[in-house]
N, C-alpha and C. Protein backbone atom coordinates (compact mmCIF):
# COMPACT_ATOMS: atom_id res chain seq x y z
N MET A 1 -32.39 25.71 -38.99
CA MET A 1 -31.78 26.02 -37.75
C MET A 1 -30.92 24.69 -37.63
N CYS A 2 -29.70 25.02 -37.06
CA CYS A 2 -28.42 24.09 -37.08
C CYS A 2 -28.38 23.64 -35.70
N LYS A 3 -28.67 22.44 -35.51
CA LYS A 3 -28.63 21.85 -34.13
C LYS A 3 -27.17 21.50 -33.61
N SER A 4 -26.81 21.96 -32.55
CA SER A 4 -25.22 21.32 -32.22
C SER A 4 -25.39 20.25 -31.30
N VAL A 5 -24.12 19.60 -31.29
CA VAL A 5 -23.91 18.50 -30.19
C VAL A 5 -23.03 19.18 -29.23
N SER A 6 -23.08 19.21 -28.16
CA SER A 6 -22.30 19.55 -27.19
C SER A 6 -21.92 18.40 -26.34
N ILE A 7 -20.54 18.31 -26.04
CA ILE A 7 -19.75 17.30 -25.41
C ILE A 7 -18.93 17.93 -24.28
N GLU A 8 -19.03 17.40 -23.12
CA GLU A 8 -18.22 17.88 -21.94
C GLU A 8 -17.21 17.00 -21.89
N VAL A 9 -15.80 17.50 -21.82
CA VAL A 9 -14.46 16.80 -21.62
C VAL A 9 -13.97 17.01 -20.41
N GLU A 10 -13.50 15.88 -19.65
CA GLU A 10 -13.00 16.17 -18.41
C GLU A 10 -11.32 15.77 -18.53
N PHE A 11 -10.48 16.42 -17.88
CA PHE A 11 -9.08 15.96 -17.94
C PHE A 11 -8.41 15.77 -16.52
N TYR A 12 -7.45 15.02 -16.59
CA TYR A 12 -6.78 14.79 -15.41
C TYR A 12 -5.16 15.12 -15.74
N ALA A 13 -4.45 15.33 -14.46
CA ALA A 13 -2.97 15.20 -14.49
C ALA A 13 -2.48 16.20 -15.65
N GLY A 14 -1.41 15.80 -16.32
CA GLY A 14 -1.00 16.67 -17.26
C GLY A 14 -1.82 17.33 -18.31
N ALA A 15 -2.78 16.62 -18.75
CA ALA A 15 -3.67 16.98 -19.75
C ALA A 15 -4.58 18.28 -19.11
N ALA A 16 -4.72 18.27 -17.97
CA ALA A 16 -5.48 19.38 -17.23
C ALA A 16 -4.52 20.55 -17.15
N ALA A 17 -3.21 20.29 -16.89
CA ALA A 17 -2.43 21.23 -17.05
C ALA A 17 -2.24 21.83 -18.35
N ILE A 18 -2.26 21.16 -19.31
CA ILE A 18 -1.98 21.80 -20.62
C ILE A 18 -3.19 22.65 -21.14
N VAL A 19 -4.35 22.01 -20.85
CA VAL A 19 -5.64 22.78 -21.41
C VAL A 19 -5.88 24.03 -20.26
N GLY A 20 -5.59 23.74 -19.16
CA GLY A 20 -5.55 24.89 -18.07
C GLY A 20 -6.96 24.93 -17.50
N GLU A 21 -7.57 23.83 -17.31
CA GLU A 21 -8.84 23.51 -16.81
C GLU A 21 -9.28 22.14 -16.68
N ARG A 22 -10.08 21.74 -15.86
CA ARG A 22 -10.52 20.26 -15.56
C ARG A 22 -11.55 20.03 -16.38
N LYS A 23 -12.45 20.56 -16.99
CA LYS A 23 -13.52 20.53 -17.67
C LYS A 23 -13.64 21.49 -18.73
N ILE A 24 -13.95 21.22 -20.14
CA ILE A 24 -14.29 21.98 -21.04
C ILE A 24 -15.43 21.35 -21.85
N CYS A 25 -16.14 22.21 -22.78
CA CYS A 25 -17.29 21.86 -23.56
C CYS A 25 -16.78 21.92 -25.19
N VAL A 26 -16.88 21.06 -26.06
CA VAL A 26 -16.71 21.17 -27.45
C VAL A 26 -17.98 21.06 -28.06
N GLU A 27 -18.28 21.66 -29.10
CA GLU A 27 -19.30 21.61 -29.92
C GLU A 27 -19.39 21.14 -31.30
N PHE A 28 -19.98 20.30 -31.71
CA PHE A 28 -20.13 19.80 -33.15
C PHE A 28 -21.36 20.31 -33.69
N THR A 29 -21.45 20.39 -35.10
CA THR A 29 -22.68 20.46 -35.75
C THR A 29 -23.51 19.24 -36.26
N GLN A 30 -22.85 17.92 -35.83
CA GLN A 30 -23.61 16.85 -36.18
C GLN A 30 -22.82 15.68 -35.28
N PRO A 31 -23.43 14.63 -35.02
CA PRO A 31 -23.16 13.70 -34.27
C PRO A 31 -21.38 13.25 -34.35
N ALA A 32 -20.85 13.11 -33.13
CA ALA A 32 -19.46 12.85 -32.98
C ALA A 32 -18.97 11.71 -32.47
N SER A 33 -17.79 11.32 -32.87
CA SER A 33 -17.23 10.14 -32.21
C SER A 33 -16.04 10.64 -30.94
N VAL A 34 -15.56 9.72 -30.45
CA VAL A 34 -14.38 9.97 -29.66
C VAL A 34 -13.42 10.71 -30.30
N SER A 35 -13.02 10.12 -31.43
CA SER A 35 -12.07 10.22 -32.32
C SER A 35 -12.19 11.90 -32.83
N ASP A 36 -13.33 12.29 -33.07
CA ASP A 36 -13.83 13.86 -33.34
C ASP A 36 -13.32 14.53 -32.38
N VAL A 37 -13.65 14.26 -31.03
CA VAL A 37 -13.44 15.11 -30.06
C VAL A 37 -11.75 15.19 -29.84
N ARG A 38 -11.27 14.12 -29.68
CA ARG A 38 -9.79 14.24 -29.61
C ARG A 38 -8.96 15.05 -30.60
N ARG A 39 -9.45 14.92 -32.01
CA ARG A 39 -8.96 15.90 -33.16
C ARG A 39 -9.36 17.22 -32.79
N GLN A 40 -10.46 17.60 -32.23
CA GLN A 40 -10.72 19.03 -32.04
C GLN A 40 -9.82 19.43 -30.82
N LEU A 41 -9.79 18.78 -29.95
CA LEU A 41 -8.98 19.00 -28.62
C LEU A 41 -7.43 19.55 -29.04
N VAL A 42 -7.03 18.51 -29.99
CA VAL A 42 -5.49 18.75 -30.65
C VAL A 42 -5.33 20.08 -31.14
N GLU A 43 -6.50 20.41 -32.11
CA GLU A 43 -6.44 21.47 -32.90
C GLU A 43 -6.46 22.80 -31.75
N ARG A 44 -7.11 22.62 -30.94
CA ARG A 44 -7.20 23.83 -29.85
C ARG A 44 -6.00 23.70 -29.01
N PHE A 45 -5.55 22.70 -28.70
CA PHE A 45 -4.28 22.68 -27.68
C PHE A 45 -3.35 21.83 -28.22
N PRO A 46 -2.49 22.29 -29.19
CA PRO A 46 -1.40 21.40 -29.78
C PRO A 46 -0.51 20.42 -29.03
N LYS A 47 -0.12 21.18 -27.67
CA LYS A 47 0.68 20.38 -26.93
C LYS A 47 -0.16 19.16 -26.16
N LEU A 48 -1.47 19.00 -26.57
CA LEU A 48 -2.03 17.81 -26.10
C LEU A 48 -1.83 16.57 -26.95
N GLN A 49 -1.21 16.62 -28.38
CA GLN A 49 -1.45 15.70 -28.96
C GLN A 49 -0.84 14.60 -28.68
N GLY A 50 0.35 14.41 -28.04
CA GLY A 50 1.19 13.17 -27.65
C GLY A 50 0.41 12.65 -26.78
N LEU A 51 0.09 13.27 -25.68
CA LEU A 51 -0.80 12.59 -24.49
C LEU A 51 -2.20 12.38 -24.92
N ALA A 52 -2.89 12.91 -25.91
CA ALA A 52 -4.04 12.37 -26.21
C ALA A 52 -3.98 11.20 -27.10
N GLU A 53 -2.98 10.82 -28.00
CA GLU A 53 -2.70 9.47 -28.44
C GLU A 53 -2.52 8.64 -27.70
N GLN A 54 -2.14 8.67 -26.59
CA GLN A 54 -1.59 7.73 -25.41
C GLN A 54 -2.63 7.33 -24.52
N SER A 55 -3.66 8.28 -24.50
CA SER A 55 -4.73 8.17 -23.39
C SER A 55 -5.83 7.32 -23.77
N ARG A 56 -6.50 6.72 -22.73
CA ARG A 56 -7.82 6.22 -22.78
C ARG A 56 -8.86 7.13 -22.71
N TRP A 57 -10.26 6.63 -23.29
CA TRP A 57 -10.98 7.37 -23.22
C TRP A 57 -12.22 6.82 -22.62
N ALA A 58 -13.00 7.44 -21.65
CA ALA A 58 -14.44 6.89 -21.04
C ALA A 58 -15.42 7.71 -21.17
N VAL A 59 -16.56 6.88 -21.10
CA VAL A 59 -17.92 7.57 -21.47
C VAL A 59 -18.69 6.80 -20.37
N GLN A 60 -19.46 7.40 -19.35
CA GLN A 60 -20.45 6.93 -18.31
C GLN A 60 -19.54 5.85 -17.66
N ALA A 61 -18.16 6.13 -17.16
CA ALA A 61 -17.46 5.13 -16.41
C ALA A 61 -16.88 3.94 -16.91
N CYS A 62 -17.20 3.86 -18.32
CA CYS A 62 -16.68 2.70 -19.16
C CYS A 62 -15.51 3.20 -20.35
N PHE A 63 -14.62 2.39 -20.37
CA PHE A 63 -13.74 2.76 -21.45
C PHE A 63 -14.28 2.43 -22.85
N VAL A 64 -14.12 3.49 -23.78
CA VAL A 64 -14.74 3.40 -25.11
C VAL A 64 -13.51 3.37 -26.12
N ASP A 65 -13.95 2.85 -27.51
CA ASP A 65 -13.05 2.93 -28.51
C ASP A 65 -13.26 4.39 -29.17
N GLU A 66 -12.16 4.89 -29.83
CA GLU A 66 -12.21 6.04 -30.47
C GLU A 66 -13.41 6.18 -31.59
N ASP A 67 -14.06 5.02 -31.99
CA ASP A 67 -14.88 5.14 -33.09
C ASP A 67 -16.36 5.39 -32.34
N TYR A 68 -16.48 5.43 -30.97
CA TYR A 68 -17.69 5.50 -30.31
C TYR A 68 -18.37 6.67 -30.55
N LEU A 69 -19.75 6.65 -30.87
CA LEU A 69 -20.47 7.81 -31.15
C LEU A 69 -21.08 8.32 -29.74
N LEU A 70 -20.74 9.44 -29.75
CA LEU A 70 -21.48 10.25 -28.84
C LEU A 70 -22.82 10.98 -28.54
N ASP A 71 -23.67 10.87 -27.61
CA ASP A 71 -24.83 11.54 -27.77
C ASP A 71 -24.62 12.95 -27.24
N ASN A 72 -25.65 13.64 -27.45
CA ASN A 72 -25.38 15.24 -27.11
C ASN A 72 -25.41 15.27 -25.50
N ASN A 73 -24.82 16.24 -25.00
CA ASN A 73 -24.48 16.52 -23.65
C ASN A 73 -23.79 15.17 -23.12
N ALA A 74 -23.22 14.43 -23.71
CA ALA A 74 -22.06 13.29 -23.19
C ALA A 74 -21.23 13.95 -22.29
N MET A 75 -20.52 13.10 -21.53
CA MET A 75 -19.33 13.69 -20.69
C MET A 75 -18.40 12.49 -21.16
N VAL A 76 -17.20 12.97 -21.66
CA VAL A 76 -15.93 12.34 -22.00
C VAL A 76 -14.87 12.42 -20.89
N VAL A 77 -14.39 11.40 -20.55
CA VAL A 77 -13.11 11.55 -19.60
C VAL A 77 -11.83 11.13 -20.45
N MET A 78 -10.99 12.03 -20.54
CA MET A 78 -9.63 11.74 -21.18
C MET A 78 -8.61 11.19 -20.09
N ILE A 79 -8.36 9.89 -20.05
CA ILE A 79 -7.59 9.11 -18.80
C ILE A 79 -6.04 8.97 -19.60
N PRO A 80 -5.24 9.82 -18.82
CA PRO A 80 -3.68 9.70 -19.42
C PRO A 80 -3.26 8.49 -18.85
N PRO A 81 -1.97 8.04 -19.49
CA PRO A 81 -1.39 6.80 -18.87
C PRO A 81 -0.83 7.09 -17.58
N VAL A 82 -0.85 6.15 -16.82
CA VAL A 82 -0.17 6.34 -15.47
C VAL A 82 0.72 5.23 -15.24
N SER A 83 1.54 5.75 -14.16
CA SER A 83 2.66 4.49 -13.78
C SER A 83 2.46 4.49 -11.97
N GLY A 84 2.94 3.60 -11.71
CA GLY A 84 3.01 3.60 -10.05
C GLY A 84 4.23 2.71 -9.96
N GLY A 85 4.34 2.47 -8.43
CA GLY A 85 5.48 1.81 -8.16
C GLY A 85 5.45 1.54 -6.61
């Protein structure tokens, strides 16, 4: 029996517009890192690539590096660059 790892990803601004939803679930057959999530998202949504590379990633309200390993049922937030004035 294959146990999957389910990760919820939340999007804002332009990323949400590209994906067409604010939240989606991605599945892996083994433990995954934020980098794995980013790669899968870009495979599913190629127009997300540039934004995904520039974005910060957060887990449990803390910024994390792309090598951060995610637990099953983790929520990852893709935070695109912002500007103000």
